[in-house]
Amino acid sequence: MYGNNPQKQQVYGAVLSLYISRMIKLVNQKNKQKCSLIFDEFPTIYFNHIDSLIATARSNKVATTLAVQDYSQLKKIMEESRQK
């Protein structure tokens, strides 16, 4: 993965974000099979409105796991998501 390489983050970040958005739209629908989304090194991924994804995914039987190195990273992401 590109998580710890700033140059690769700039190159692949937008493409990966589009891929993730499309994947979420496919699985986060009513009456689909149960699914789990696991985001490792989550702070390196741009994803707008992650808080609303978690809320709607849960009702659609989709488990969401966000892996971060430290709680402060998660707190910062959630604050940024709410500001947008």
Protein backbone atom coordinates (compact mmCIF):
# COMPACT_ATOMS: atom_id res chain seq x y z
CA MET A 1 0.00 0.00 0.00
CA TYR A 2 1.04 3.58 -0.31
CA GLY A 3 0.15 4.64 3.26
CA ASN A 4 3.56 5.81 4.44
CA ASN A 5 4.84 7.23 1.16
CA PRO A 6 3.75 10.88 0.61
CA GLN A 7 4.57 10.81 -3.11
CA LYS A 8 2.39 7.77 -3.68
CA GLN A 9 -0.38 9.31 -1.59
CA GLN A 10 -0.58 12.22 -4.00
CA VAL A 11 -0.55 9.97 -7.06
CA TYR A 12 -2.88 7.20 -5.92
CA GLY A 13 -5.01 9.00 -3.33
CA ALA A 14 -7.68 10.30 -5.71
CA VAL A 15 -7.97 7.03 -7.61
CA LEU A 16 -8.22 5.01 -4.41
CA SER A 17 -10.85 7.40 -3.07
CA LEU A 18 -12.98 6.91 -6.19
CA TYR A 19 -12.60 3.14 -5.95
CA ILE A 20 -13.64 3.13 -2.30
CA SER A 21 -16.63 5.38 -2.97
CA ARG A 22 -17.86 3.08 -5.73
CA MET A 23 -17.36 -0.02 -3.62
CA ILE A 24 -19.32 1.51 -0.75
CA LYS A 25 -22.21 2.45 -3.04
CA LEU A 26 -22.37 -1.15 -4.26
CA VAL A 27 -22.46 -2.81 -0.85
CA ASN A 28 -24.25 -0.19 1.26
CA GLN A 29 -27.76 -0.89 0.01
CA LYS A 30 -30.84 -2.44 1.58
CA ASN A 31 -31.49 -6.16 1.07
CA LYS A 32 -27.90 -7.02 0.14
CA GLN A 33 -25.79 -9.69 1.78
CA LYS A 34 -23.91 -8.92 4.97
CA CYS A 35 -20.54 -7.31 4.33
CA SER A 36 -17.55 -5.93 6.17
CA LEU A 37 -15.49 -2.90 5.11
CA ILE A 38 -12.02 -2.74 6.66
CA PHE A 39 -9.96 0.42 6.19
CA ASP A 40 -6.38 -0.05 7.39
CA GLU A 41 -4.21 3.08 7.70
CA PHE A 42 -7.45 5.05 7.53
CA PRO A 43 -5.90 8.51 8.07
CA THR A 44 -4.12 8.16 4.71
CA ILE A 45 -7.44 7.71 2.84
CA TYR A 46 -9.61 10.66 1.86
CA PHE A 47 -13.24 9.86 2.54
CA ASN A 48 -15.90 12.53 2.93
CA HIS A 49 -18.71 12.01 5.50
CA ILE A 50 -17.40 8.82 7.05
CA ASP A 51 -19.74 9.34 10.02
CA SER A 52 -22.83 9.07 7.82
CA LEU A 53 -21.40 5.98 6.10
CA ILE A 54 -21.04 4.20 9.42
CA ALA A 55 -24.61 5.07 10.43
CA THR A 56 -26.24 3.96 7.18
CA ALA A 57 -24.00 0.94 6.70
CA ARG A 58 -24.96 -0.46 10.07
CA SER A 59 -28.65 -0.41 9.11
CA ASN A 60 -27.77 -2.18 5.84
CA LYS A 61 -25.86 -4.98 7.63
CA VAL A 62 -22.43 -3.63 6.65
CA ALA A 63 -19.77 -3.63 9.36
CA THR A 64 -17.20 -0.84 9.12
CA THR A 65 -13.75 -1.10 10.71
CA LEU A 66 -11.38 1.89 10.77
CA ALA A 67 -7.78 1.13 11.71
CA VAL A 68 -5.72 4.05 13.03
CA GLN A 69 -2.40 4.27 14.84
CA ASP A 70 -3.71 6.49 17.63
CA TYR A 71 -7.08 7.72 18.93
CA SER A 72 -6.08 11.33 18.18
CA GLN A 73 -5.97 10.49 14.46
CA LEU A 74 -9.55 9.21 14.55
CA LYS A 75 -10.74 12.22 16.52
CA LYS A 76 -9.18 14.58 13.96
CA ILE A 77 -10.82 12.71 11.05
CA MET A 78 -14.27 12.81 12.65
CA GLU A 79 -13.95 16.54 13.38
CA GLU A 80 -12.92 17.26 9.78
CA SER A 81 -15.78 15.14 8.45
CA ARG A 82 -18.35 17.07 10.49
CA GLN A 83 -17.04 20.42 9.26
CA LYS A 84 -17.66 19.58 5.60
